[in-house]
Amino acid sequence: MIDVDKLYLTPGMVVRVRHNIENRPKMIVSEKVTRSIRNKDKEDYDTMFLGIKCRWFDTTGRLQEAIFNTKDLELIEE
């Protein structure tokens, strides 16, 4: 069995994209994004995790926001 370290991100943490791309910004985690789907058989809702919403400023100073998979993010130790 492979032991994988899990990263739990909470709002306020500083992260960046794990992939080595040009001009990857430091981003702040704003929230965990989930969706609820109604289950007709059980008359309740199933919740599924979509990703982590992050915010950052681009090179022009505009605020950007996107949802990322947790596997694509790494925590920045500051």
C-alpha atoms as a PDB file:
ATOM      1  CA  MET A   1       0.000   0.000   0.000  1.00  0.00           C
ATOM      2  CA  ILE A   2       1.329   3.448  -0.924  1.00  0.00           C
ATOM      3  CA  ASP A   3       1.418   6.052   1.825  1.00  0.00           C
ATOM      4  CA  VAL A   4       0.388   9.420   0.346  1.00  0.00           C
ATOM      5  CA  ASP A   5       0.673  12.642   2.330  1.00  0.00           C
ATOM      6  CA  LYS A   6      -2.631  14.490   2.214  1.00  0.00           C
ATOM      7  CA  LEU A   7      -2.790  18.263   2.137  1.00  0.00           C
ATOM      8  CA  TYR A   8      -5.801  19.868   3.784  1.00  0.00           C
ATOM      9  CA  LEU A   9      -6.238  23.476   2.686  1.00  0.00           C
ATOM     10  CA  THR A  10      -8.180  26.011   4.706  1.00  0.00           C
ATOM     11  CA  PRO A  11      -9.151  29.605   3.868  1.00  0.00           C
ATOM     12  CA  GLY A  12      -6.257  32.023   4.269  1.00  0.00           C
ATOM     13  CA  MET A  13      -3.475  29.597   3.341  1.00  0.00           C
ATOM     14  CA  VAL A  14      -1.000  30.734   0.680  1.00  0.00           C
ATOM     15  CA  VAL A  15      -0.563  28.301  -2.232  1.00  0.00           C
ATOM     16  CA  ARG A  16       0.655  28.164  -5.812  1.00  0.00           C
ATOM     17  CA  VAL A  17       0.212  25.858  -8.784  1.00  0.00           C
ATOM     18  CA  ARG A  18       2.434  22.804  -8.418  1.00  0.00           C
ATOM     19  CA  HIS A  19       3.414  22.730 -12.106  1.00  0.00           C
ATOM     20  CA  ASN A  20       6.487  24.723 -13.102  1.00  0.00           C
ATOM     21  CA  ILE A  21       4.903  27.313 -15.395  1.00  0.00           C
ATOM     22  CA  GLU A  22       6.008  30.850 -16.124  1.00  0.00           C
ATOM     23  CA  ASN A  23       4.632  33.607 -13.855  1.00  0.00           C
ATOM     24  CA  ARG A  24       2.778  31.304 -11.474  1.00  0.00           C
ATOM     25  CA  PRO A  25       1.367  33.587  -8.783  1.00  0.00           C
ATOM     26  CA  LYS A  26       1.021  33.146  -5.056  1.00  0.00           C
ATOM     27  CA  MET A  27      -2.663  32.639  -4.321  1.00  0.00           C
ATOM     28  CA  ILE A  28      -4.837  32.761  -1.235  1.00  0.00           C
ATOM     29  CA  VAL A  29      -7.326  29.962  -0.586  1.00  0.00           C
ATOM     30  CA  SER A  30     -10.787  31.473  -0.243  1.00  0.00           C
ATOM     31  CA  GLU A  31     -13.100  28.449   0.121  1.00  0.00           C
ATOM     32  CA  LYS A  32     -13.821  24.775  -0.497  1.00  0.00           C
ATOM     33  CA  VAL A  33     -16.272  24.317  -3.393  1.00  0.00           C
ATOM     34  CA  THR A  34     -18.882  21.537  -3.277  1.00  0.00           C
ATOM     35  CA  ARG A  35     -22.079  20.701  -5.132  1.00  0.00           C
ATOM     36  CA  SER A  36     -25.163  18.929  -3.806  1.00  0.00           C
ATOM     37  CA  ILE A  37     -27.094  16.603  -6.074  1.00  0.00           C
ATOM     38  CA  ARG A  38     -30.546  15.378  -5.199  1.00  0.00           C
ATOM     39  CA  ASN A  39     -30.766  11.607  -4.892  1.00  0.00           C
ATOM     40  CA  LYS A  40     -34.247  10.576  -6.091  1.00  0.00           C
ATOM     41  CA  ASP A  41     -34.066   7.088  -4.574  1.00  0.00           C
ATOM     42  CA  LYS A  42     -33.275   8.179  -1.032  1.00  0.00           C
ATOM     43  CA  GLU A  43     -35.001  11.602  -1.028  1.00  0.00           C
ATOM     44  CA  ASP A  44     -31.825  13.291   0.202  1.00  0.00           C
ATOM     45  CA  TYR A  45     -28.743  14.975  -1.247  1.00  0.00           C
ATOM     46  CA  ASP A  46     -25.280  13.681  -2.119  1.00  0.00           C
ATOM     47  CA  THR A  47     -22.458  16.202  -1.791  1.00  0.00           C
ATOM     48  CA  MET A  48     -19.400  16.066  -4.023  1.00  0.00           C
ATOM     49  CA  PHE A  49     -16.161  17.995  -3.738  1.00  0.00           C
ATOM     50  CA  LEU A  50     -15.282  20.127  -6.797  1.00  0.00           C
ATOM     51  CA  GLY A  51     -12.087  21.865  -5.708  1.00  0.00           C
ATOM     52  CA  ILE A  52     -10.476  24.786  -3.919  1.00  0.00           C
ATOM     53  CA  LYS A  53     -11.315  28.367  -4.898  1.00  0.00           C
ATOM     54  CA  CYS A  54      -8.236  30.620  -4.921  1.00  0.00           C
ATOM     55  CA  ARG A  55      -7.762  34.344  -5.483  1.00  0.00           C
ATOM     56  CA  TRP A  56      -4.705  36.240  -6.730  1.00  0.00           C
ATOM     57  CA  PHE A  57      -3.674  39.418  -8.488  1.00  0.00           C
ATOM     58  CA  ASP A  58      -2.413  39.100 -12.066  1.00  0.00           C
ATOM     59  CA  THR A  59       0.477  41.087 -13.567  1.00  0.00           C
ATOM     60  CA  THR A  60      -1.856  44.016 -14.366  1.00  0.00           C
ATOM     61  CA  GLY A  61      -3.132  44.197 -10.779  1.00  0.00           C
ATOM     62  CA  ARG A  62      -6.589  42.753 -11.492  1.00  0.00           C
ATOM     63  CA  LEU A  63      -8.101  40.337  -8.988  1.00  0.00           C
ATOM     64  CA  GLN A  64      -8.499  36.831 -10.444  1.00  0.00           C
ATOM     65  CA  GLU A  65     -10.384  33.843  -9.074  1.00  0.00           C
ATOM     66  CA  ALA A  66     -10.475  30.173 -10.118  1.00  0.00           C
ATOM     67  CA  ILE A  67     -11.211  26.688  -8.804  1.00  0.00           C
ATOM     68  CA  PHE A  68      -8.280  24.252  -8.674  1.00  0.00           C
ATOM     69  CA  ASN A  69      -7.940  20.548  -7.971  1.00  0.00           C
ATOM     70  CA  THR A  70      -6.063  19.972  -4.707  1.00  0.00           C
ATOM     71  CA  LYS A  71      -3.541  17.782  -6.567  1.00  0.00           C
ATOM     72  CA  ASP A  72      -2.508  20.835  -8.618  1.00  0.00           C
ATOM     73  CA  LEU A  73      -1.704  23.046  -5.607  1.00  0.00           C
ATOM     74  CA  GLU A  74       1.237  23.197  -3.228  1.00  0.00           C
ATOM     75  CA  LEU A  75       1.462  25.004   0.084  1.00  0.00           C
ATOM     76  CA  ILE A  76       3.964  27.850   0.344  1.00  0.00           C
ATOM     77  CA  GLU A  77       5.756  27.866   3.675  1.00  0.00           C
ATOM     78  CA  GLU A  78       6.201  31.462   4.831  1.00  0.00           C
END
